Each structure stands twice: as C-alpha cells, then as structure tokens.
C-alpha cells in the first residue's frame, strides 16, 4: 500500500500544481469567470481581498503549495483538505454548466464539473487516509478507555488498601482494649 500512496499522491496533485502555475502566470484569464464566486467569498471572509484577480492568485498559490506538499507526501491529509476546499470555488466558478446556453459548451462544462467532483472524492479519500494507522479519534478513544480502566484499577487497589488498613486499625484497637483494665 505504501508504494500505491507514493504513486497516487503525485498523480492526484499534478492537476492542481499545473493548473495553479498556469493561473498564477495569467490570473486575468480566469478572473472573469471567478467573479461571481469570488465576490461573495470575499464579502463573507473579511481577511480576504475583494479584488478578484488577487483572490484568483491566492487560490492558485494555495493549490500549487498544497499540491506540492501532497505530491511530496508532506502533511498529506492536511494538504488534501486544503486542496478540496480550494477546489469547491474553482469548480463553481469555472464549470457552471447550468449557465451555459450552447449545448456543446454545456456538455463540455458538465464533463469538467464531474471531473472536479471526482477529484474532490479522491482528495477526501486522501484526507481520510491514515497510512494504516488508527485515526486520531480512534487513538483518543482508546487512550480514554485505557485511562478509565487504569483509574478503575487504581480505585479498586486504593479501596482494598483502605479496607486492609481499616481492618488493621480495628485489630489494633481490639488488642489495645484487651490490655486495658476493665472499668
């Protein structure tokens, strides 16, 4: 499975790296199509610039950076999630097949839209891939179970020790009473 990951990740990342570089070189080529999606995103996220060309450049740089990380196997789960998040506005802006009037253009955009949905599925699988190791949630639950078991054992041991000492104290008190004069 390790060899499969080493081959699959760069293949999946290649479309983001090449497309990101192409768009970084000429952001104006896609800025017009990105406008209907870029404006609402910029309005909802105040940290982002409201200039569509700058947003296109940022998205492209994110795709190149996260694509390189995914291809190299560095932070693969996080980079896959970042690519998935960047793919959504790219797909909505660039392949809105429902807006196309020409039947051929509509069919072409539908194919690209579907291809991006497939990429999104691959990225989500990559984001969930734990390399055969248990997920963080599983490890957390397992640690909590082990911790609870340990606390229970410790509580039982403390209870038994207290019961033993209480018995010793009662025995000692009984021995002291036996040696006291009656009265």
N, C-alpha and C. Protein backbone atom coordinates (compact mmCIF):
# COMPACT_ATOMS: atom_id res chain seq x y z
N UNK A 1 0.82 -1.20 0.00
CA UNK A 1 0.00 0.00 0.00
C UNK A 1 0.86 1.26 0.00
N UNK A 2 2.05 1.21 0.60
CA UNK A 2 2.90 2.39 0.66
C UNK A 2 3.32 2.84 -0.73
N UNK A 3 3.64 1.90 -1.62
CA UNK A 3 4.04 2.26 -2.97
C UNK A 3 2.86 2.89 -3.72
N UNK A 4 1.67 2.41 -3.45
CA UNK A 4 0.47 2.98 -4.07
C UNK A 4 0.31 4.45 -3.68
N UNK A 5 0.52 4.75 -2.42
CA UNK A 5 0.43 6.15 -1.97
C UNK A 5 1.50 7.01 -2.64
N UNK A 6 2.71 6.48 -2.75
CA UNK A 6 3.81 7.24 -3.35
C UNK A 6 3.55 7.56 -4.81
N UNK A 7 2.77 6.75 -5.48
CA UNK A 7 2.42 6.99 -6.88
C UNK A 7 1.14 7.83 -6.98
N UNK A 8 0.14 7.49 -6.19
CA UNK A 8 -1.17 8.12 -6.31
C UNK A 8 -1.16 9.59 -5.90
N UNK A 9 -0.46 9.92 -4.85
CA UNK A 9 -0.47 11.32 -4.38
C UNK A 9 0.07 12.29 -5.43
N UNK A 10 1.23 12.02 -6.02
CA UNK A 10 1.70 12.96 -7.06
C UNK A 10 0.76 13.01 -8.26
N UNK A 11 0.15 11.88 -8.61
CA UNK A 11 -0.79 11.90 -9.73
C UNK A 11 -1.99 12.79 -9.41
N UNK A 12 -2.51 12.65 -8.20
CA UNK A 12 -3.65 13.47 -7.79
C UNK A 12 -3.27 14.95 -7.70
N UNK A 13 -2.07 15.21 -7.22
CA UNK A 13 -1.62 16.59 -7.03
C UNK A 13 -1.26 17.28 -8.34
N UNK A 14 -0.92 16.52 -9.36
CA UNK A 14 -0.41 17.11 -10.60
C UNK A 14 -1.36 18.10 -11.25
N UNK A 15 -2.65 17.83 -11.22
CA UNK A 15 -3.61 18.74 -11.84
C UNK A 15 -3.67 20.07 -11.09
N UNK A 16 -3.47 20.04 -9.79
CA UNK A 16 -3.50 21.28 -9.00
C UNK A 16 -2.22 22.09 -9.19
N UNK A 17 -1.10 21.39 -9.27
CA UNK A 17 0.17 22.09 -9.47
C UNK A 17 0.20 22.74 -10.85
N UNK A 18 -0.12 21.97 -11.89
CA UNK A 18 -0.06 22.53 -13.24
C UNK A 18 -1.11 23.61 -13.46
N UNK A 19 -2.33 23.38 -13.00
CA UNK A 19 -3.37 24.39 -13.14
C UNK A 19 -3.07 25.63 -12.32
N UNK A 20 -2.53 25.43 -11.13
CA UNK A 20 -2.19 26.58 -10.28
C UNK A 20 -1.10 27.43 -10.89
N UNK A 21 -0.08 26.78 -11.46
CA UNK A 21 1.01 27.53 -12.10
C UNK A 21 0.48 28.30 -13.31
N UNK A 22 -0.35 27.63 -14.11
CA UNK A 22 -0.92 28.29 -15.29
C UNK A 22 -1.74 29.53 -14.87
N UNK A 23 -2.54 29.39 -13.83
CA UNK A 23 -3.37 30.51 -13.39
C UNK A 23 -2.54 31.60 -12.70
N UNK A 24 -1.48 31.22 -12.01
CA UNK A 24 -0.59 32.23 -11.42
C UNK A 24 0.06 33.09 -12.50
N UNK A 25 0.39 32.47 -13.61
CA UNK A 25 1.02 33.20 -14.71
C UNK A 25 0.06 34.16 -15.39
N UNK A 26 -1.22 33.76 -15.48
CA UNK A 26 -2.21 34.61 -16.14
C UNK A 26 -3.53 34.57 -15.38
N UNK A 27 -3.61 35.25 -14.25
CA UNK A 27 -4.85 35.21 -13.46
C UNK A 27 -6.02 35.91 -14.15
N UNK A 28 -5.72 36.82 -15.06
CA UNK A 28 -6.79 37.54 -15.75
C UNK A 28 -7.61 36.61 -16.65
N UNK A 29 -7.01 35.51 -17.08
CA UNK A 29 -7.72 34.57 -17.96
C UNK A 29 -8.92 33.93 -17.26
N UNK A 30 -8.86 33.79 -15.94
CA UNK A 30 -9.97 33.16 -15.22
C UNK A 30 -10.70 34.13 -14.28
N UNK A 31 -10.19 35.35 -14.16
CA UNK A 31 -10.79 36.30 -13.22
C UNK A 31 -12.24 36.61 -13.56
N UNK A 32 -12.57 36.71 -14.83
CA UNK A 32 -13.95 37.00 -15.22
C UNK A 32 -14.90 35.90 -14.79
N UNK A 33 -14.49 34.66 -14.99
CA UNK A 33 -15.34 33.53 -14.59
C UNK A 33 -15.40 33.40 -13.07
N UNK A 34 -14.34 33.82 -12.40
CA UNK A 34 -14.29 33.69 -10.93
C UNK A 34 -15.09 34.77 -10.21
N UNK A 35 -15.37 35.85 -10.89
CA UNK A 35 -16.05 36.99 -10.27
C UNK A 35 -17.32 36.63 -9.51
N UNK A 36 -18.25 35.85 -10.08
CA UNK A 36 -19.50 35.56 -9.36
C UNK A 36 -19.29 34.77 -8.06
N UNK A 37 -18.21 34.03 -7.96
CA UNK A 37 -17.93 33.26 -6.75
C UNK A 37 -17.00 34.05 -5.83
N UNK A 38 -16.04 34.76 -6.41
CA UNK A 38 -15.03 35.48 -5.62
C UNK A 38 -15.65 36.58 -4.76
N UNK A 39 -16.55 37.33 -5.31
CA UNK A 39 -17.17 38.44 -4.55
C UNK A 39 -17.87 37.96 -3.29
N UNK A 40 -18.78 36.99 -3.39
CA UNK A 40 -19.46 36.53 -2.16
C UNK A 40 -18.50 35.94 -1.13
N UNK A 41 -17.46 35.23 -1.60
CA UNK A 41 -16.49 34.66 -0.67
C UNK A 41 -15.75 35.79 0.04
N UNK A 42 -15.31 36.80 -0.71
CA UNK A 42 -14.58 37.92 -0.12
C UNK A 42 -15.46 38.69 0.87
N UNK A 43 -16.74 38.79 0.59
CA UNK A 43 -17.65 39.50 1.50
C UNK A 43 -17.83 38.74 2.81
N UNK A 44 -17.80 37.41 2.74
CA UNK A 44 -18.02 36.59 3.95
C UNK A 44 -16.74 36.41 4.77
N UNK A 45 -15.60 36.55 4.14
CA UNK A 45 -14.31 36.38 4.83
C UNK A 45 -13.56 37.71 4.75
N UNK A 46 -13.65 38.53 5.79
CA UNK A 46 -13.08 39.87 5.73
C UNK A 46 -11.56 39.91 5.57
N UNK A 47 -10.86 38.83 5.90
CA UNK A 47 -9.40 38.81 5.76
C UNK A 47 -8.97 38.71 4.30
N UNK A 48 -9.87 38.31 3.44
CA UNK A 48 -9.53 38.16 2.02
C UNK A 48 -9.69 39.48 1.29
N UNK A 49 -8.86 39.71 0.28
CA UNK A 49 -9.03 40.94 -0.51
C UNK A 49 -10.30 40.86 -1.36
N UNK A 50 -10.84 42.01 -1.71
CA UNK A 50 -12.05 41.99 -2.54
C UNK A 50 -11.73 42.10 -4.03
N UNK A 51 -10.46 42.11 -4.38
CA UNK A 51 -10.02 42.12 -5.76
C UNK A 51 -10.01 40.69 -6.30
N UNK A 52 -10.79 40.45 -7.35
CA UNK A 52 -10.92 39.10 -7.88
C UNK A 52 -9.59 38.55 -8.38
N UNK A 53 -8.80 39.36 -9.03
CA UNK A 53 -7.50 38.88 -9.55
C UNK A 53 -6.61 38.42 -8.40
N UNK A 54 -6.59 39.18 -7.32
CA UNK A 54 -5.78 38.77 -6.16
C UNK A 54 -6.32 37.48 -5.55
N UNK A 55 -7.63 37.34 -5.47
CA UNK A 55 -8.22 36.11 -4.95
C UNK A 55 -7.87 34.91 -5.82
N UNK A 56 -7.89 35.11 -7.13
CA UNK A 56 -7.51 34.04 -8.06
C UNK A 56 -6.05 33.67 -7.84
N UNK A 57 -5.20 34.65 -7.66
CA UNK A 57 -3.78 34.37 -7.40
C UNK A 57 -3.60 33.62 -6.08
N UNK A 58 -4.30 34.04 -5.05
CA UNK A 58 -4.21 33.37 -3.75
C UNK A 58 -4.64 31.92 -3.89
N UNK A 59 -5.78 31.69 -4.54
CA UNK A 59 -6.28 30.33 -4.73
C UNK A 59 -5.28 29.49 -5.52
N UNK A 60 -4.69 30.08 -6.54
CA UNK A 60 -3.69 29.36 -7.34
C UNK A 60 -2.45 29.02 -6.53
N UNK A 61 -1.98 29.98 -5.74
CA UNK A 61 -0.81 29.74 -4.90
C UNK A 61 -1.10 28.65 -3.87
N UNK A 62 -2.30 28.67 -3.31
CA UNK A 62 -2.70 27.63 -2.35
C UNK A 62 -2.70 26.27 -3.04
N UNK A 63 -3.23 26.21 -4.26
CA UNK A 63 -3.27 24.94 -4.97
C UNK A 63 -1.87 24.44 -5.31
N UNK A 64 -0.98 25.34 -5.73
CA UNK A 64 0.39 24.92 -6.02
C UNK A 64 1.08 24.44 -4.74
N UNK A 65 0.99 25.22 -3.68
CA UNK A 65 1.65 24.85 -2.42
C UNK A 65 1.13 23.55 -1.84
N UNK A 66 -0.19 23.43 -1.73
CA UNK A 66 -0.78 22.21 -1.17
C UNK A 66 -0.56 21.03 -2.11
N UNK A 67 -0.55 21.28 -3.42
CA UNK A 67 -0.28 20.22 -4.38
C UNK A 67 1.13 19.68 -4.24
N UNK A 68 2.10 20.57 -4.08
CA UNK A 68 3.49 20.14 -3.89
C UNK A 68 3.62 19.34 -2.60
N UNK A 69 2.98 19.82 -1.53
CA UNK A 69 3.03 19.08 -0.26
C UNK A 69 2.40 17.69 -0.39
N UNK A 70 1.26 17.61 -1.07
CA UNK A 70 0.61 16.32 -1.25
C UNK A 70 1.48 15.40 -2.10
N UNK A 71 2.04 15.93 -3.18
CA UNK A 71 2.88 15.11 -4.07
C UNK A 71 4.11 14.59 -3.33
N UNK A 72 4.66 15.42 -2.44
CA UNK A 72 5.85 15.03 -1.69
C UNK A 72 5.53 14.15 -0.48
N UNK A 73 4.25 14.01 -0.17
CA UNK A 73 3.87 13.21 0.98
C UNK A 73 4.06 13.94 2.30
N UNK A 74 4.19 15.25 2.26
CA UNK A 74 4.35 16.06 3.47
C UNK A 74 2.97 16.58 3.87
N UNK A 75 2.56 16.32 5.08
CA UNK A 75 1.24 16.72 5.57
C UNK A 75 0.15 16.33 4.57
N UNK A 76 0.11 15.08 4.15
CA UNK A 76 -0.79 14.70 3.07
C UNK A 76 -2.27 14.88 3.41
N UNK A 77 -2.65 14.62 4.64
CA UNK A 77 -4.06 14.75 4.99
C UNK A 77 -4.48 16.21 5.00
N UNK A 78 -3.67 17.06 5.59
CA UNK A 78 -3.99 18.49 5.63
C UNK A 78 -3.96 19.09 4.23
N UNK A 79 -2.95 18.74 3.45
CA UNK A 79 -2.86 19.32 2.10
C UNK A 79 -4.03 18.85 1.23
N UNK A 80 -4.47 17.62 1.41
CA UNK A 80 -5.63 17.14 0.65
C UNK A 80 -6.89 17.91 1.04
N UNK A 81 -7.04 18.20 2.32
CA UNK A 81 -8.19 19.00 2.76
C UNK A 81 -8.14 20.42 2.21
N UNK A 82 -6.96 21.01 2.20
CA UNK A 82 -6.81 22.36 1.65
C UNK A 82 -7.14 22.36 0.16
N UNK A 83 -6.65 21.37 -0.55
CA UNK A 83 -6.96 21.28 -1.98
C UNK A 83 -8.46 21.08 -2.21
N UNK A 84 -9.08 20.27 -1.38
CA UNK A 84 -10.53 20.06 -1.50
C UNK A 84 -11.28 21.37 -1.29
N UNK A 85 -10.87 22.12 -0.28
CA UNK A 85 -11.52 23.40 0.00
C UNK A 85 -11.31 24.40 -1.14
N UNK A 86 -10.13 24.39 -1.75
CA UNK A 86 -9.87 25.32 -2.86
C UNK A 86 -10.55 24.87 -4.14
N UNK A 87 -10.86 23.60 -4.25
CA UNK A 87 -11.49 23.08 -5.46
C UNK A 87 -12.95 23.49 -5.58
N UNK A 88 -13.62 23.65 -4.46
CA UNK A 88 -15.05 23.97 -4.49
C UNK A 88 -15.32 25.30 -5.20
N UNK A 89 -14.70 26.42 -4.78
CA UNK A 89 -14.97 27.66 -5.52
C UNK A 89 -14.45 27.62 -6.96
N UNK A 90 -13.35 26.92 -7.18
CA UNK A 90 -12.82 26.79 -8.54
C UNK A 90 -13.83 26.10 -9.44
N UNK A 91 -14.43 25.05 -8.94
CA UNK A 91 -15.41 24.29 -9.72
C UNK A 91 -16.67 25.11 -9.96
N UNK A 92 -17.16 25.75 -8.93
CA UNK A 92 -18.38 26.55 -9.08
C UNK A 92 -18.18 27.71 -10.04
N UNK A 93 -17.02 28.33 -9.99
CA UNK A 93 -16.75 29.48 -10.86
C UNK A 93 -16.41 29.05 -12.28
N UNK A 94 -15.60 28.03 -12.41
CA UNK A 94 -15.07 27.68 -13.72
C UNK A 94 -15.91 26.73 -14.54
N UNK A 95 -16.80 26.00 -13.90
CA UNK A 95 -17.52 24.96 -14.64
C UNK A 95 -19.01 24.97 -14.32
N UNK A 96 -19.61 26.15 -14.34
CA UNK A 96 -21.04 26.30 -14.08
C UNK A 96 -21.82 25.89 -15.33
N UNK A 97 -21.91 24.61 -15.58
CA UNK A 97 -22.51 24.09 -16.79
C UNK A 97 -23.99 24.47 -16.91
N UNK A 98 -24.65 24.69 -15.79
CA UNK A 98 -26.07 25.04 -15.79
C UNK A 98 -26.32 26.44 -16.36
N UNK A 99 -25.25 27.25 -16.48
CA UNK A 99 -25.39 28.60 -17.03
C UNK A 99 -25.12 28.65 -18.53
N UNK A 100 -24.49 27.61 -19.06
CA UNK A 100 -24.12 27.60 -20.48
C UNK A 100 -25.37 27.44 -21.36
N UNK A 101 -25.43 28.23 -22.43
CA UNK A 101 -26.56 28.18 -23.35
C UNK A 101 -26.31 27.20 -24.50
N UNK A 102 -25.10 27.21 -25.00
CA UNK A 102 -24.73 26.33 -26.11
C UNK A 102 -24.69 24.88 -25.63
N UNK A 103 -25.38 23.96 -26.30
CA UNK A 103 -25.40 22.56 -25.84
C UNK A 103 -24.01 21.91 -25.79
N UNK A 104 -23.16 22.23 -26.75
CA UNK A 104 -21.81 21.66 -26.73
C UNK A 104 -21.00 22.20 -25.56
N UNK A 105 -21.07 23.49 -25.33
CA UNK A 105 -20.36 24.10 -24.20
C UNK A 105 -20.91 23.58 -22.88
N UNK A 106 -22.22 23.42 -22.82
CA UNK A 106 -22.87 22.89 -21.62
C UNK A 106 -22.35 21.48 -21.32
N UNK A 107 -22.27 20.64 -22.35
CA UNK A 107 -21.78 19.27 -22.17
C UNK A 107 -20.31 19.28 -21.76
N UNK A 108 -19.50 20.15 -22.36
CA UNK A 108 -18.08 20.25 -22.02
C UNK A 108 -17.90 20.69 -20.55
N UNK A 109 -18.68 21.67 -20.14
CA UNK A 109 -18.58 22.15 -18.75
C UNK A 109 -19.09 21.11 -17.76
N UNK A 110 -20.10 20.33 -18.16
CA UNK A 110 -20.62 19.28 -17.28
C UNK A 110 -19.55 18.20 -17.07
N UNK A 111 -18.81 17.88 -18.12
CA UNK A 111 -17.73 16.89 -18.00
C UNK A 111 -16.66 17.43 -17.05
N UNK A 112 -16.27 18.69 -17.18
CA UNK A 112 -15.26 19.28 -16.30
C UNK A 112 -15.76 19.36 -14.86
N UNK A 113 -17.03 19.70 -14.70
CA UNK A 113 -17.63 19.75 -13.37
C UNK A 113 -17.58 18.37 -12.71
N UNK A 114 -17.97 17.35 -13.47
CA UNK A 114 -17.95 15.97 -12.96
C UNK A 114 -16.53 15.52 -12.66
N UNK A 115 -15.58 15.89 -13.51
CA UNK A 115 -14.17 15.56 -13.26
C UNK A 115 -13.72 16.17 -11.94
N UNK A 116 -14.11 17.41 -11.69
CA UNK A 116 -13.72 18.06 -10.43
C UNK A 116 -14.40 17.39 -9.24
N UNK A 117 -15.63 16.92 -9.42
CA UNK A 117 -16.27 16.17 -8.33
C UNK A 117 -15.49 14.89 -8.05
N UNK A 118 -14.99 14.26 -9.10
CA UNK A 118 -14.17 13.05 -8.92
C UNK A 118 -12.88 13.39 -8.18
N UNK A 119 -12.25 14.49 -8.56
CA UNK A 119 -11.05 14.94 -7.85
C UNK A 119 -11.36 15.20 -6.38
N UNK A 120 -12.49 15.83 -6.13
CA UNK A 120 -12.90 16.10 -4.75
C UNK A 120 -13.03 14.79 -3.97
N UNK A 121 -13.62 13.78 -4.59
CA UNK A 121 -13.73 12.48 -3.94
C UNK A 121 -12.37 11.88 -3.63
N UNK A 122 -11.45 11.98 -4.59
CA UNK A 122 -10.09 11.48 -4.35
C UNK A 122 -9.39 12.22 -3.24
N UNK A 123 -9.58 13.53 -3.20
CA UNK A 123 -8.97 14.32 -2.14
C UNK A 123 -9.55 13.97 -0.77
N UNK A 124 -10.85 13.72 -0.71
CA UNK A 124 -11.45 13.35 0.56
C UNK A 124 -10.94 11.98 1.03
N UNK A 125 -10.74 11.06 0.09
CA UNK A 125 -10.15 9.77 0.46
C UNK A 125 -8.73 9.98 0.97
N UNK A 126 -7.96 10.83 0.27
CA UNK A 126 -6.58 11.10 0.70
C UNK A 126 -6.57 11.77 2.07
N UNK A 127 -7.53 12.63 2.33
CA UNK A 127 -7.59 13.32 3.62
C UNK A 127 -7.93 12.35 4.75
N UNK A 128 -8.64 11.29 4.43
CA UNK A 128 -9.02 10.31 5.46
C UNK A 128 -7.99 9.20 5.60
N UNK A 129 -7.03 9.12 4.70
CA UNK A 129 -6.04 8.04 4.71
C UNK A 129 -5.08 8.21 5.88
N UNK A 130 -5.05 7.22 6.74
CA UNK A 130 -4.19 7.28 7.93
C UNK A 130 -2.95 6.40 7.79
N UNK A 131 -2.63 5.98 6.57
CA UNK A 131 -1.46 5.13 6.32
C UNK A 131 -1.55 3.81 7.07
N UNK A 132 -2.74 3.33 7.28
CA UNK A 132 -2.90 2.08 8.01
C UNK A 132 -2.81 2.23 9.52
N UNK A 133 -2.56 3.44 9.97
CA UNK A 133 -2.51 3.68 11.42
C UNK A 133 -3.90 4.11 11.87
N UNK A 134 -4.22 3.86 13.11
CA UNK A 134 -5.52 4.32 13.60
C UNK A 134 -5.62 5.84 13.56
N UNK A 135 -6.84 6.31 13.35
CA UNK A 135 -7.07 7.75 13.30
C UNK A 135 -6.87 8.38 14.68
N UNK A 136 -6.78 9.68 14.70
CA UNK A 136 -6.62 10.41 15.96
C UNK A 136 -7.84 10.18 16.86
N UNK A 137 -9.02 10.16 16.27
CA UNK A 137 -10.23 9.91 17.07
C UNK A 137 -10.19 8.52 17.70
N UNK A 138 -9.78 7.52 16.93
CA UNK A 138 -9.67 6.15 17.47
C UNK A 138 -8.64 6.10 18.59
N UNK A 139 -7.48 6.71 18.35
CA UNK A 139 -6.43 6.69 19.37
C UNK A 139 -6.88 7.42 20.62
N UNK A 140 -7.64 8.50 20.47
CA UNK A 140 -8.16 9.24 21.63
C UNK A 140 -9.13 8.39 22.43
N UNK A 141 -10.04 7.72 21.71
CA UNK A 141 -11.00 6.85 22.41
C UNK A 141 -10.28 5.71 23.12
N UNK A 142 -9.29 5.12 22.44
CA UNK A 142 -8.53 4.02 23.06
C UNK A 142 -7.78 4.50 24.29
N UNK A 143 -7.17 5.67 24.22
CA UNK A 143 -6.45 6.22 25.37
C UNK A 143 -7.42 6.50 26.52
N UNK A 144 -8.61 7.01 26.19
CA UNK A 144 -9.61 7.28 27.23
C UNK A 144 -10.06 5.97 27.89
N UNK A 145 -10.23 4.94 27.09
CA UNK A 145 -10.62 3.64 27.64
C UNK A 145 -9.53 3.08 28.55
N UNK A 146 -8.28 3.14 28.10
CA UNK A 146 -7.16 2.66 28.91
C UNK A 146 -7.06 3.48 30.19
N UNK A 147 -7.23 4.80 30.07
CA UNK A 147 -7.17 5.67 31.24
C UNK A 147 -8.27 5.36 32.23
N UNK A 148 -9.48 5.15 31.73
CA UNK A 148 -10.61 4.82 32.62
C UNK A 148 -10.37 3.48 33.31
N UNK A 149 -9.84 2.52 32.56
CA UNK A 149 -9.53 1.21 33.15
C UNK A 149 -8.47 1.35 34.23
N UNK A 150 -7.47 2.16 33.97
CA UNK A 150 -6.40 2.38 34.94
C UNK A 150 -6.94 3.06 36.20
N UNK A 151 -7.78 4.04 36.01
CA UNK A 151 -8.39 4.73 37.16
C UNK A 151 -9.23 3.75 37.97
N UNK A 152 -10.00 2.91 37.25
CA UNK A 152 -10.82 1.91 37.96
C UNK A 152 -9.95 0.95 38.76
N UNK A 153 -8.87 0.46 38.14
CA UNK A 153 -7.96 -0.46 38.86
C UNK A 153 -7.33 0.23 40.05
N UNK A 154 -6.89 1.46 39.86
CA UNK A 154 -6.27 2.21 40.95
C UNK A 154 -7.28 2.43 42.07
N UNK A 155 -8.51 2.76 41.70
CA UNK A 155 -9.56 2.95 42.70
C UNK A 155 -9.82 1.67 43.47
N UNK A 156 -9.86 0.55 42.75
CA UNK A 156 -10.06 -0.74 43.42
C UNK A 156 -8.89 -1.06 44.36
N UNK A 157 -7.66 -0.80 43.90
CA UNK A 157 -6.48 -1.07 44.72
C UNK A 157 -6.49 -0.17 45.96
N UNK A 158 -6.84 1.11 45.78
CA UNK A 158 -6.90 2.02 46.92
C UNK A 158 -7.99 1.57 47.88
N UNK A 159 -9.13 1.16 47.35
CA UNK A 159 -10.22 0.68 48.21
C UNK A 159 -9.81 -0.54 49.01
N UNK A 160 -9.11 -1.47 48.34
CA UNK A 160 -8.64 -2.68 49.03
C UNK A 160 -7.61 -2.31 50.09
N UNK A 161 -6.70 -1.39 49.77
CA UNK A 161 -5.68 -0.97 50.75
C UNK A 161 -6.33 -0.29 51.94
N UNK A 162 -7.31 0.55 51.70
CA UNK A 162 -8.01 1.24 52.80
C UNK A 162 -8.75 0.21 53.65
N UNK A 163 -9.39 -0.76 53.00
CA UNK A 163 -10.09 -1.81 53.76
C UNK A 163 -9.11 -2.60 54.61
N UNK A 164 -7.92 -2.94 54.06
CA UNK A 164 -6.90 -3.66 54.82
C UNK A 164 -6.45 -2.85 56.03
N UNK A 165 -6.18 -1.57 55.80
CA UNK A 165 -5.71 -0.71 56.89
C UNK A 165 -6.80 -0.52 57.93
N UNK A 166 -8.03 -0.41 57.47
CA UNK A 166 -9.13 -0.29 58.43
C UNK A 166 -9.22 -1.55 59.29
N UNK A 167 -9.03 -2.70 58.65
CA UNK A 167 -9.03 -3.96 59.41
C UNK A 167 -7.88 -3.98 60.41
N UNK A 168 -6.69 -3.51 59.97
CA UNK A 168 -5.53 -3.47 60.87
C UNK A 168 -5.80 -2.53 62.05
N UNK A 169 -6.43 -1.40 61.78
CA UNK A 169 -6.73 -0.45 62.85
C UNK A 169 -7.74 -1.06 63.82
N UNK A 170 -8.76 -1.74 63.29
CA UNK A 170 -9.74 -2.39 64.18
C UNK A 170 -9.08 -3.47 65.01
N UNK A 171 -8.18 -4.23 64.37
CA UNK A 171 -7.47 -5.28 65.12
C UNK A 171 -6.59 -4.67 66.21
N UNK A 172 -5.88 -3.60 65.88
CA UNK A 172 -5.02 -2.94 66.86
C UNK A 172 -5.87 -2.36 67.98
N UNK A 173 -7.00 -1.77 67.65
CA UNK A 173 -7.88 -1.20 68.67
C UNK A 173 -8.39 -2.31 69.58
N UNK A 174 -8.73 -3.46 69.01
CA UNK A 174 -9.20 -4.60 69.82
C UNK A 174 -8.10 -5.09 70.75
N UNK A 175 -6.85 -5.13 70.26
CA UNK A 175 -5.72 -5.58 71.09
C UNK A 175 -5.48 -4.59 72.21
N UNK A 176 -5.61 -3.31 71.93
CA UNK A 176 -5.41 -2.29 72.96
C UNK A 176 -6.52 -2.43 74.02
N UNK A 177 -7.74 -2.67 73.61
CA UNK A 177 -8.85 -2.82 74.55
C UNK A 177 -8.62 -4.02 75.48
N UNK A 178 -8.05 -5.08 74.92
CA UNK A 178 -7.82 -6.26 75.74
C UNK A 178 -6.81 -5.99 76.85
N UNK A 179 -5.89 -5.09 76.65
CA UNK A 179 -4.86 -4.81 77.63
C UNK A 179 -5.23 -3.69 78.59
N UNK A 180 -6.34 -3.08 78.36
CA UNK A 180 -6.80 -2.01 79.25
C UNK A 180 -7.51 -2.63 80.45
N UNK A 181 -7.35 -2.01 81.60
CA UNK A 181 -8.09 -2.54 82.77
C UNK A 181 -9.58 -2.34 82.58
N UNK A 182 -10.34 -3.24 83.05
CA UNK A 182 -11.79 -3.17 82.93
C UNK A 182 -12.31 -2.06 83.82
N UNK A 183 -13.22 -1.38 83.31
CA UNK A 183 -13.76 -0.42 84.22
C UNK A 183 -14.17 0.79 83.71
